Amino acid sequence: MGRKSFSLTNHDRRTNNLKKEMMQMKQVVQMPTINLNKKSDVAQNFDLQERIRVRAYELYEQRGRENGRELDDWLQAEAEATTEIAA
């Protein structure tokens, strides 16, 4: 059984080629920069949901805490919050 023997130069050549390929991959797949001064989309979404939740509860209390209209309260609060954002 013939076993292939590789010379050190072939090994070095393959290693160098792999290093070049890895460097090219790093250039293509760059990590995005993070702007710490701007709220992330997740934080903004959380803030919006929190405002909707609070407003929906306010509507529930204004109606005298009548059960069974949670969806109506939520949808109204959501409409109000998204109108505020659009304005």
N, C-alpha and C. Protein backbone atom coordinates (compact mmCIF):
# COMPACT_ATOMS: atom_id res chain seq x y z
N MET A 1 0.84 -1.16 0.00
CA MET A 1 0.00 0.00 0.00
C MET A 1 0.88 1.22 0.00
N GLY A 2 0.70 1.97 -1.05
CA GLY A 2 1.51 3.18 -1.17
C GLY A 2 0.95 4.31 -0.34
N ARG A 3 1.74 4.74 0.55
CA ARG A 3 1.32 5.88 1.38
C ARG A 3 1.96 7.12 0.84
N LYS A 4 1.18 8.15 0.67
CA LYS A 4 1.71 9.39 0.13
C LYS A 4 2.50 10.11 1.21
N SER A 5 3.65 10.56 0.84
CA SER A 5 4.40 11.38 1.77
C SER A 5 4.41 12.80 1.22
N PHE A 6 4.17 13.72 2.07
CA PHE A 6 4.14 15.11 1.67
C PHE A 6 5.40 15.78 2.15
N SER A 7 5.93 16.58 1.28
CA SER A 7 7.11 17.32 1.70
C SER A 7 6.66 18.52 2.53
N LEU A 8 7.57 19.04 3.27
CA LEU A 8 7.28 20.18 4.13
C LEU A 8 6.82 21.38 3.31
N THR A 9 7.34 21.52 2.12
CA THR A 9 6.96 22.66 1.30
C THR A 9 5.50 22.55 0.85
N ASN A 10 5.03 21.34 0.52
CA ASN A 10 3.62 21.18 0.16
C ASN A 10 2.73 21.48 1.36
N HIS A 11 3.14 21.03 2.51
CA HIS A 11 2.38 21.31 3.72
C HIS A 11 2.33 22.82 3.99
N ASP A 12 3.47 23.46 3.86
CA ASP A 12 3.52 24.91 4.05
C ASP A 12 2.63 25.63 3.04
N ARG A 13 2.64 25.15 1.83
CA ARG A 13 1.83 25.78 0.78
C ARG A 13 0.35 25.65 1.11
N ARG A 14 -0.05 24.45 1.52
CA ARG A 14 -1.46 24.26 1.89
C ARG A 14 -1.84 25.12 3.10
N THR A 15 -0.96 25.18 4.07
CA THR A 15 -1.22 25.99 5.26
C THR A 15 -1.37 27.46 4.88
N ASN A 16 -0.48 27.94 4.03
CA ASN A 16 -0.56 29.34 3.60
C ASN A 16 -1.85 29.60 2.82
N ASN A 17 -2.25 28.66 1.98
CA ASN A 17 -3.49 28.82 1.23
C ASN A 17 -4.69 28.86 2.17
N LEU A 18 -4.68 28.00 3.19
CA LEU A 18 -5.77 28.02 4.16
C LEU A 18 -5.81 29.34 4.92
N LYS A 19 -4.66 29.85 5.28
CA LYS A 19 -4.60 31.13 5.99
C LYS A 19 -5.16 32.25 5.12
N LYS A 20 -4.80 32.24 3.83
CA LYS A 20 -5.31 33.26 2.91
C LYS A 20 -6.83 33.16 2.79
N GLU A 21 -7.34 31.92 2.67
CA GLU A 21 -8.79 31.73 2.57
C GLU A 21 -9.50 32.23 3.82
N MET A 22 -8.92 31.94 4.98
CA MET A 22 -9.53 32.40 6.23
C MET A 22 -9.54 33.92 6.31
N MET A 23 -8.48 34.57 5.87
CA MET A 23 -8.43 36.02 5.88
C MET A 23 -9.49 36.60 4.94
N GLN A 24 -9.67 35.98 3.79
CA GLN A 24 -10.70 36.44 2.86
C GLN A 24 -12.09 36.26 3.46
N MET A 25 -12.31 35.15 4.16
CA MET A 25 -13.60 34.91 4.79
C MET A 25 -13.86 35.95 5.88
N LYS A 26 -12.85 36.31 6.63
CA LYS A 26 -13.01 37.31 7.67
C LYS A 26 -13.40 38.66 7.08
N GLN A 27 -12.87 38.95 5.90
CA GLN A 27 -13.19 40.22 5.26
C GLN A 27 -14.63 40.22 4.76
N VAL A 28 -15.12 39.08 4.31
CA VAL A 28 -16.48 38.99 3.79
C VAL A 28 -17.49 39.01 4.93
N VAL A 29 -17.22 38.27 5.99
CA VAL A 29 -18.15 38.15 7.10
C VAL A 29 -17.64 39.01 8.25
N GLN A 30 -17.98 40.28 8.21
CA GLN A 30 -17.56 41.18 9.26
C GLN A 30 -18.68 41.35 10.26
N MET A 31 -18.33 41.41 11.50
CA MET A 31 -19.32 41.62 12.54
C MET A 31 -19.81 43.06 12.47
N PRO A 32 -21.11 43.27 12.67
CA PRO A 32 -21.62 44.64 12.65
C PRO A 32 -21.12 45.42 13.85
N THR A 33 -20.97 46.70 13.65
CA THR A 33 -20.56 47.54 14.76
C THR A 33 -21.78 47.85 15.62
N ILE A 34 -21.56 48.03 16.88
CA ILE A 34 -22.65 48.28 17.81
C ILE A 34 -22.61 49.74 18.23
N ASN A 35 -23.72 50.43 18.04
CA ASN A 35 -23.83 51.82 18.46
C ASN A 35 -24.52 51.82 19.82
N LEU A 36 -23.77 52.06 20.87
CA LEU A 36 -24.32 52.00 22.22
C LEU A 36 -25.21 53.19 22.54
N ASN A 37 -25.15 54.24 21.73
CA ASN A 37 -25.98 55.41 21.98
C ASN A 37 -27.39 55.24 21.44
N LYS A 38 -27.61 54.28 20.57
CA LYS A 38 -28.92 54.06 19.96
C LYS A 38 -29.55 52.81 20.56
N LYS A 39 -30.84 52.90 20.86
CA LYS A 39 -31.54 51.73 21.39
C LYS A 39 -31.61 50.66 20.31
N SER A 40 -31.44 49.43 20.72
CA SER A 40 -31.55 48.33 19.78
C SER A 40 -33.01 48.13 19.39
N ASP A 41 -33.21 47.40 18.31
CA ASP A 41 -34.57 47.10 17.87
C ASP A 41 -35.32 46.32 18.95
N VAL A 42 -34.61 45.45 19.65
CA VAL A 42 -35.25 44.66 20.70
C VAL A 42 -35.73 45.58 21.82
N ALA A 43 -34.88 46.52 22.22
CA ALA A 43 -35.25 47.44 23.30
C ALA A 43 -36.41 48.33 22.87
N GLN A 44 -36.39 48.79 21.62
CA GLN A 44 -37.48 49.62 21.13
C GLN A 44 -38.78 48.84 21.10
N ASN A 45 -38.71 47.58 20.67
CA ASN A 45 -39.90 46.74 20.62
C ASN A 45 -40.43 46.49 22.03
N PHE A 46 -39.52 46.28 22.99
CA PHE A 46 -39.94 46.08 24.38
C PHE A 46 -40.63 47.33 24.90
N ASP A 47 -40.06 48.52 24.62
CA ASP A 47 -40.68 49.77 25.05
C ASP A 47 -42.08 49.93 24.47
N LEU A 48 -42.24 49.61 23.20
CA LEU A 48 -43.55 49.72 22.55
C LEU A 48 -44.55 48.77 23.21
N GLN A 49 -44.15 47.53 23.43
CA GLN A 49 -45.05 46.58 24.06
C GLN A 49 -45.40 47.01 25.48
N GLU A 50 -44.45 47.58 26.18
CA GLU A 50 -44.71 48.04 27.54
C GLU A 50 -45.72 49.20 27.53
N ARG A 51 -45.56 50.14 26.59
CA ARG A 51 -46.52 51.25 26.48
C ARG A 51 -47.92 50.74 26.16
N ILE A 52 -47.99 49.76 25.26
CA ILE A 52 -49.29 49.18 24.90
C ILE A 52 -49.91 48.50 26.11
N ARG A 53 -49.11 47.74 26.84
CA ARG A 53 -49.61 47.04 28.02
C ARG A 53 -50.15 48.01 29.06
N VAL A 54 -49.39 49.06 29.32
CA VAL A 54 -49.81 50.05 30.32
C VAL A 54 -51.08 50.76 29.88
N ARG A 55 -51.13 51.15 28.60
CA ARG A 55 -52.32 51.85 28.10
C ARG A 55 -53.54 50.93 28.11
N ALA A 56 -53.37 49.66 27.77
CA ALA A 56 -54.48 48.71 27.79
C ALA A 56 -55.02 48.56 29.21
N TYR A 57 -54.14 48.55 30.17
CA TYR A 57 -54.59 48.46 31.57
C TYR A 57 -55.33 49.73 31.98
N GLU A 58 -54.85 50.88 31.52
CA GLU A 58 -55.56 52.14 31.81
C GLU A 58 -56.98 52.10 31.24
N LEU A 59 -57.11 51.61 30.02
CA LEU A 59 -58.44 51.50 29.40
C LEU A 59 -59.33 50.55 30.21
N TYR A 60 -58.76 49.45 30.67
CA TYR A 60 -59.49 48.49 31.50
C TYR A 60 -59.99 49.16 32.77
N GLU A 61 -59.15 49.94 33.40
CA GLU A 61 -59.57 50.63 34.63
C GLU A 61 -60.61 51.70 34.35
N GLN A 62 -60.48 52.41 33.22
CA GLN A 62 -61.45 53.45 32.87
C GLN A 62 -62.84 52.86 32.65
N ARG A 63 -62.91 51.63 32.20
CA ARG A 63 -64.19 50.95 31.97
C ARG A 63 -64.74 50.34 33.25
N GLY A 64 -64.09 50.58 34.36
CA GLY A 64 -64.57 50.01 35.62
C GLY A 64 -64.13 48.58 35.83
N ARG A 65 -63.02 48.21 35.23
CA ARG A 65 -62.43 46.87 35.38
C ARG A 65 -63.38 45.76 34.93
N GLU A 66 -64.09 46.03 33.86
CA GLU A 66 -65.02 45.06 33.29
C GLU A 66 -64.21 44.00 32.53
N ASN A 67 -64.38 42.74 32.93
CA ASN A 67 -63.66 41.65 32.28
C ASN A 67 -64.28 41.29 30.93
N GLY A 68 -63.48 40.63 30.10
CA GLY A 68 -63.98 40.12 28.82
C GLY A 68 -63.70 41.02 27.64
N ARG A 69 -63.04 42.15 27.85
CA ARG A 69 -62.77 43.06 26.73
C ARG A 69 -61.28 43.33 26.59
N GLU A 70 -60.47 42.36 27.03
CA GLU A 70 -59.01 42.53 27.02
C GLU A 70 -58.48 42.78 25.61
N LEU A 71 -59.01 42.03 24.65
CA LEU A 71 -58.54 42.18 23.28
C LEU A 71 -58.89 43.57 22.74
N ASP A 72 -60.08 44.05 23.03
CA ASP A 72 -60.47 45.40 22.60
C ASP A 72 -59.53 46.45 23.18
N ASP A 73 -59.24 46.30 24.49
CA ASP A 73 -58.33 47.25 25.15
C ASP A 73 -56.94 47.20 24.51
N TRP A 74 -56.46 45.99 24.27
CA TRP A 74 -55.12 45.83 23.69
C TRP A 74 -55.07 46.45 22.29
N LEU A 75 -56.07 46.16 21.48
CA LEU A 75 -56.07 46.68 20.11
C LEU A 75 -56.17 48.20 20.07
N GLN A 76 -56.97 48.76 20.96
CA GLN A 76 -57.07 50.22 21.02
C GLN A 76 -55.73 50.82 21.47
N ALA A 77 -55.13 50.24 22.49
CA ALA A 77 -53.85 50.74 22.98
C ALA A 77 -52.77 50.61 21.91
N GLU A 78 -52.81 49.51 21.17
CA GLU A 78 -51.84 49.30 20.08
C GLU A 78 -52.02 50.34 18.99
N ALA A 79 -53.29 50.62 18.63
CA ALA A 79 -53.57 51.62 17.60
C ALA A 79 -53.08 53.00 18.04
N GLU A 80 -53.32 53.33 19.32
CA GLU A 80 -52.87 54.63 19.83
C GLU A 80 -51.35 54.73 19.81
N ALA A 81 -50.67 53.67 20.22
CA ALA A 81 -49.20 53.68 20.30
C ALA A 81 -48.59 53.78 18.90
N THR A 82 -49.13 53.04 17.95
CA THR A 82 -48.56 53.09 16.60
C THR A 82 -48.87 54.41 15.92
N THR A 83 -49.99 55.04 16.25
CA THR A 83 -50.31 56.37 15.72
C THR A 83 -49.32 57.39 16.25
N GLU A 84 -48.95 57.26 17.53
CA GLU A 84 -47.97 58.17 18.13
C GLU A 84 -46.62 58.05 17.43
N ILE A 85 -46.24 56.83 17.10
CA ILE A 85 -44.95 56.60 16.45
C ILE A 85 -44.95 57.18 15.05
N ALA A 86 -46.06 57.02 14.34
CA ALA A 86 -46.15 57.51 12.96
C ALA A 86 -46.16 59.03 12.90
N ALA A 87 -46.63 59.66 13.95
CA ALA A 87 -46.75 61.13 13.96
C ALA A 87 -45.42 61.82 14.14
